Amino acid sequence: MVRSLSFIHLFIILAVGYIGGALLFREVPVTASEKLIGFFDPRVVALADGALARPLFTLVGFLLVVFLLSMNAKSRYVVLLIGAMKCVLFGLSSSYLLASGMKLVTYTIWWFPFQMLICMLFLLYCIVLSPPYFQRIAKKQRNVQAIPVIVGVYLVIILIEMTIYHFFVR
């Protein structure tokens, strides 16, 4: 029962974050959303050629910030908030891509499936480092045994996504 609650919890965070990002795109001016999206992934805004390193830096930045925040008991509550912020960025970027006239086939092959998997793995990473209240049995240390596997799968998915972008989208 506890495991199924965890995945339901992750899917709810992902869905609410995605919808929140789509609603945020409606309310924020396009230039402001371009700046925010371009900071995290410039490929979305301009489909730029030299922007392949930025998603990797963003990946490492998110992973490091969450890992460092999970080390302190008082800042562990922020970990899942950062995971939700990544889901909001996913929704914001998706709305921007669809509104800017990207072909739907390109969106369904390149952007949406890979970003959804990346967001799910990031949320799973956040939950492993800072379990939600219904999973904590006692005040134990963080469970870091699954972290190398999650980060490895995360890297493989982002490299596949970058390869598809480089050879088919650009």
Protein backbone atom coordinates (compact mmCIF):
# COMPACT_ATOMS: atom_id res chain seq x y z
CA MET A 1 0.00 0.00 0.00
CA VAL A 2 2.79 2.42 0.85
CA ARG A 3 4.55 1.84 -2.50
CA SER A 4 1.40 2.52 -4.48
CA LEU A 5 0.84 5.70 -2.46
CA SER A 6 4.33 6.84 -3.44
CA PHE A 7 3.67 6.47 -7.15
CA ILE A 8 0.24 8.06 -6.89
CA HIS A 9 1.92 10.91 -5.02
CA LEU A 10 4.52 11.27 -7.81
CA PHE A 11 1.93 11.25 -10.59
CA ILE A 12 -0.19 13.85 -8.80
CA ILE A 13 2.83 16.13 -8.36
CA LEU A 14 3.74 15.65 -12.02
CA ALA A 15 0.20 16.34 -13.25
CA VAL A 16 -0.36 19.37 -11.04
CA GLY A 17 3.07 20.76 -11.92
CA TYR A 18 2.52 20.26 -15.64
CA ILE A 19 -0.91 21.90 -15.53
CA GLY A 20 0.51 24.69 -13.37
CA GLY A 21 3.21 25.33 -15.96
CA ALA A 22 0.63 25.43 -18.75
CA LEU A 23 -1.47 27.89 -16.76
CA LEU A 24 1.62 29.93 -15.95
CA PHE A 25 2.36 30.20 -19.67
CA ARG A 26 -1.09 31.69 -20.21
CA GLU A 27 -0.57 34.34 -17.53
CA VAL A 28 3.07 35.33 -18.08
CA PRO A 29 4.14 37.40 -21.11
CA VAL A 30 5.89 35.40 -23.82
CA THR A 31 9.17 37.31 -23.44
CA ALA A 32 9.34 36.53 -19.73
CA SER A 33 8.61 32.86 -20.30
CA GLU A 34 11.23 32.77 -23.09
CA LYS A 35 13.86 34.10 -20.67
CA LEU A 36 12.93 31.56 -17.99
CA ILE A 37 12.78 28.63 -20.41
CA GLY A 38 15.96 29.75 -22.18
CA PHE A 39 17.82 29.77 -18.87
CA PHE A 40 17.03 26.09 -18.26
CA ASP A 41 16.96 24.73 -21.82
CA PRO A 42 17.78 27.10 -24.70
CA ARG A 43 16.94 24.39 -27.24
CA VAL A 44 13.26 25.01 -26.56
CA VAL A 45 13.37 28.74 -27.24
CA ALA A 46 15.61 28.98 -30.28
CA LEU A 47 16.36 25.39 -31.20
CA ALA A 48 19.96 26.52 -30.99
CA ASP A 49 22.86 24.46 -32.27
CA GLY A 50 25.38 25.06 -29.49
CA ALA A 51 22.94 24.55 -26.65
CA LEU A 52 23.62 20.89 -25.96
CA ALA A 53 25.69 21.48 -22.82
CA ARG A 54 23.09 23.63 -20.99
CA PRO A 55 20.64 20.76 -20.34
CA LEU A 56 23.48 18.74 -18.80
CA PHE A 57 24.47 21.64 -16.55
CA THR A 58 20.83 22.07 -15.56
CA LEU A 59 20.59 18.35 -14.82
CA VAL A 60 23.68 18.39 -12.63
CA GLY A 61 22.54 21.61 -10.94
CA PHE A 62 19.12 20.23 -10.04
CA LEU A 63 20.60 16.95 -8.80
CA LEU A 64 23.25 18.70 -6.67
CA VAL A 65 20.87 21.24 -5.15
CA VAL A 66 18.41 18.53 -4.18
CA PHE A 67 21.16 16.30 -2.81
CA LEU A 68 22.61 19.14 -0.72
CA LEU A 69 19.20 20.20 0.59
CA SER A 70 18.40 16.63 1.57
CA MET A 71 21.47 16.47 3.82
CA ASN A 72 19.95 18.78 6.42
CA ALA A 73 16.81 17.67 8.25
CA LYS A 74 15.38 21.19 8.26
CA SER A 75 15.70 21.72 4.54
CA ARG A 76 14.41 18.30 3.45
CA TYR A 77 10.93 19.70 3.00
CA VAL A 78 12.16 21.89 0.14
CA VAL A 79 13.41 18.88 -1.85
CA LEU A 80 10.00 17.85 -3.18
CA LEU A 81 9.18 21.50 -3.86
CA ILE A 82 12.16 21.66 -6.23
CA GLY A 83 10.88 18.50 -7.90
CA ALA A 84 7.51 20.18 -8.37
CA MET A 85 9.24 23.27 -9.79
CA LYS A 86 10.91 21.06 -12.41
CA CYS A 87 7.45 19.75 -13.37
CA VAL A 88 6.19 23.33 -13.68
CA LEU A 89 9.11 24.08 -16.01
CA PHE A 90 8.13 21.00 -18.03
CA GLY A 91 4.57 22.31 -18.41
CA LEU A 92 5.77 25.83 -19.21
CA SER A 93 8.21 24.60 -21.85
CA SER A 94 5.63 22.27 -23.38
CA SER A 95 3.09 25.06 -23.65
CA TYR A 96 5.69 27.33 -25.20
CA LEU A 97 6.65 24.70 -27.78
CA LEU A 98 3.05 24.05 -28.76
CA ALA A 99 2.21 27.77 -28.90
CA SER A 100 5.29 28.57 -31.01
CA GLY A 101 4.12 26.25 -33.76
CA MET A 102 6.32 23.21 -33.32
CA LYS A 103 5.16 20.24 -35.35
CA LEU A 104 3.10 17.90 -33.23
CA VAL A 105 5.03 14.87 -34.46
CA THR A 106 8.31 16.40 -33.33
CA TYR A 107 6.75 17.31 -29.98
CA THR A 108 5.42 13.78 -29.41
CA ILE A 109 8.65 12.07 -30.47
CA TRP A 110 11.25 14.38 -28.95
CA TRP A 111 9.99 16.62 -26.20
CA PHE A 112 7.04 15.18 -24.31
CA PRO A 113 7.99 11.53 -23.63
CA PHE A 114 11.56 12.24 -22.66
CA GLN A 115 10.78 15.23 -20.49
CA MET A 116 8.01 13.31 -18.75
CA LEU A 117 10.42 10.46 -17.98
CA ILE A 118 13.08 12.92 -16.83
CA CYS A 119 10.58 14.64 -14.52
CA MET A 120 9.38 11.31 -13.13
CA LEU A 121 12.93 10.17 -12.45
CA PHE A 122 13.76 13.50 -10.84
CA LEU A 123 10.70 13.20 -8.59
CA LEU A 124 11.71 9.63 -7.74
CA TYR A 125 15.21 10.94 -6.91
CA CYS A 126 13.62 13.57 -4.65
CA ILE A 127 11.41 10.98 -2.90
CA VAL A 128 14.36 8.64 -2.32
CA LEU A 129 16.38 11.46 -0.75
CA SER A 130 13.50 12.88 1.27
CA PRO A 131 10.62 10.40 1.68
CA PRO A 132 7.13 11.84 2.14
CA TYR A 133 5.47 11.77 5.53
CA PHE A 134 3.52 8.55 4.85
CA GLN A 135 6.71 6.62 4.08
CA ARG A 136 8.81 7.59 7.09
CA ILE A 137 8.85 4.88 9.69
CA ALA A 138 11.54 6.29 11.90
CA LYS A 139 14.01 9.17 11.74
CA LYS A 140 16.64 7.34 9.73
CA GLN A 141 19.40 8.53 7.47
CA ARG A 142 18.74 9.07 3.79
CA ASN A 143 18.56 6.00 1.62
CA VAL A 144 21.28 6.52 -0.94
CA GLN A 145 21.54 2.97 -2.26
CA ALA A 146 19.18 3.62 -5.19
CA ILE A 147 20.71 6.98 -6.11
CA PRO A 148 23.41 5.67 -8.52
CA VAL A 149 20.82 3.61 -10.42
CA ILE A 150 18.38 6.52 -10.67
CA VAL A 151 21.11 8.94 -11.78
CA GLY A 152 22.42 6.40 -14.31
CA VAL A 153 18.99 5.88 -15.87
CA TYR A 154 18.47 9.65 -15.77
CA LEU A 155 21.71 10.22 -17.70
CA VAL A 156 20.90 7.52 -20.26
CA ILE A 157 17.47 9.04 -20.92
CA ILE A 158 18.83 12.56 -21.27
CA LEU A 159 21.58 11.35 -23.63
CA ILE A 160 19.01 9.54 -25.79
CA GLU A 161 16.88 12.68 -25.79
CA MET A 162 19.85 14.83 -26.81
CA THR A 163 20.76 12.36 -29.57
CA ILE A 164 17.23 12.47 -30.98
CA TYR A 165 17.30 16.26 -30.79
CA HIS A 166 20.68 16.50 -32.48
CA PHE A 167 19.98 14.11 -35.35
CA PHE A 168 16.24 14.49 -36.00
CA VAL A 169 14.88 17.77 -34.63
CA ARG A 170 17.62 20.28 -35.28
